[in-house]
Each structure stands twice: as structure tokens, then as C-alpha cells.
Amino acid sequence: MKTEEFNKCLELLRQGDLKGLEKIYNKYYYASKQLALSHVKNEEKATEIVDAFFQNLQPIACEIKEIKNPDIWIFEVIVAICKSNY
């Protein structure tokens, strides 16, 4: 997903429109789960991590203005969650 599109999705989330979340989820869920799985080596924990990230994306969107590289940002957040919780 291009940066501009990703930031538009975040703006939709800030406005309470879950279409933004749906687009980001559809684009990044599978890759995020595979990344989490590579770190925690447990399918259930990987699912929990990624589900929690997407459940909290709307409040996160309200805290940040824009993301310059969405792919890197999402994957860095997932890795950080893996390292801090598992």
C-alpha cells in the first residue's frame, strides 16, 4: 500500500470510519501474522499479537499524524510487540 493511501486510511479511522481499518487489515494481516509467527513460534500467540494490533489501530491513528513508510512501520510495531510480550 502506498504511503498516501495508508495515511488516507488512518484519516478515515480518525473520523470513525472503519473502511480505513478494513483496507489496512486486508493488505497487512497475513504478512503481519507470518512475521509475528516467525518471532513467537506459536500460531495462537501470533494471532493474538496481530489481532491486538489491529484492534488498537484506531486509537493509534488518533495519536499519529502520518506514517512515511507503512510497511516498515507496521512490521516494526509487530516485532516490538513480539519482543515485549513474548
Protein backbone atom coordinates (compact mmCIF):
# COMPACT_ATOMS: atom_id res chain seq x y z
CA MET A 1 0.00 0.00 0.00
CA LYS A 2 1.37 3.38 -0.92
CA THR A 3 2.06 5.90 1.79
CA GLU A 4 -0.63 8.31 0.64
CA GLU A 5 -3.31 5.61 0.60
CA PHE A 6 -2.24 4.34 4.02
CA ASN A 7 -2.43 7.82 5.54
CA LYS A 8 -5.87 8.33 3.99
CA CYS A 9 -6.95 5.11 5.69
CA LEU A 10 -5.61 6.44 9.00
CA GLU A 11 -7.59 9.63 8.45
CA LEU A 12 -10.73 7.58 7.89
CA LEU A 13 -10.03 5.78 11.17
CA ARG A 14 -9.62 9.09 12.99
CA GLN A 15 -13.07 10.02 11.73
CA GLY A 16 -14.51 6.72 12.96
CA ASP A 17 -14.84 5.19 9.50
CA LEU A 18 -13.82 1.54 9.74
CA LYS A 19 -13.33 1.28 5.98
CA GLY A 20 -9.82 2.58 6.62
CA LEU A 21 -9.18 -0.26 9.06
CA GLU A 22 -10.61 -2.79 6.64
CA LYS A 23 -8.25 -1.71 3.85
CA ILE A 24 -5.19 -1.81 6.09
CA TYR A 25 -6.26 -5.14 7.60
CA ASN A 26 -6.81 -6.72 4.20
CA LYS A 27 -3.42 -5.54 2.99
CA TYR A 28 -1.28 -6.34 6.05
CA TYR A 29 -2.92 -9.04 8.17
CA TYR A 30 -1.36 -12.10 6.56
CA ALA A 31 2.18 -10.70 6.35
CA SER A 32 1.93 -9.35 9.91
CA LYS A 33 0.82 -12.72 11.21
CA GLN A 34 3.66 -14.51 9.42
CA LEU A 35 6.12 -12.01 10.89
CA ALA A 36 4.75 -12.50 14.39
CA LEU A 37 4.80 -16.26 13.95
CA SER A 38 8.47 -16.14 12.95
CA HIS A 39 9.23 -14.41 16.27
CA VAL A 40 7.00 -16.21 18.75
CA LYS A 41 6.92 -19.64 17.07
CA ASN A 42 3.34 -20.18 18.22
CA GLU A 43 0.30 -19.80 15.96
CA GLU A 44 -2.10 -18.81 18.74
CA LYS A 45 0.23 -16.18 20.19
CA ALA A 46 0.97 -14.80 16.73
CA THR A 47 -2.75 -14.45 16.08
CA GLU A 48 -3.25 -12.73 19.45
CA ILE A 49 -0.47 -10.23 18.72
CA VAL A 50 -1.70 -9.30 15.27
CA ASP A 51 -5.36 -9.18 16.32
CA ALA A 52 -4.45 -6.88 19.22
CA PHE A 53 -2.51 -4.60 16.88
CA PHE A 54 -5.46 -4.22 14.51
CA GLN A 55 -7.94 -3.81 17.37
CA ASN A 56 -5.85 -0.93 18.67
CA LEU A 57 -5.14 0.70 15.33
CA GLN A 58 -7.95 3.24 15.60
CA PRO A 59 -6.70 4.77 18.89
CA ILE A 60 -3.16 4.65 17.50
CA ALA A 61 -4.33 6.52 14.39
CA CYS A 62 -5.58 9.32 16.63
CA GLU A 63 -2.12 9.69 18.16
CA ILE A 64 -0.06 9.89 14.98
CA LYS A 65 -0.22 12.39 12.15
CA GLU A 66 1.19 10.36 9.29
CA ILE A 67 3.37 7.39 8.54
CA LYS A 68 6.15 7.79 6.00
CA ASN A 69 6.67 4.09 5.27
CA PRO A 70 3.65 2.00 6.27
CA ASP A 71 5.23 -1.39 5.53
CA ILE A 72 8.20 -0.73 7.78
CA TRP A 73 6.10 0.94 10.47
CA ILE A 74 3.63 -1.94 10.79
CA PHE A 75 6.34 -4.57 10.80
CA GLU A 76 8.42 -2.66 13.38
CA VAL A 77 5.38 -2.38 15.65
CA ILE A 78 4.60 -6.10 15.31
CA VAL A 79 8.21 -7.04 16.10
CA ALA A 80 8.25 -4.68 19.09
CA ILE A 81 5.07 -6.26 20.44
CA CYS A 82 6.57 -9.72 19.96
CA LYS A 83 9.73 -8.77 21.81
CA SER A 84 7.98 -7.03 24.68
CA ASN A 85 5.27 -9.58 25.33
CA TYR A 86 6.57 -12.96 24.31
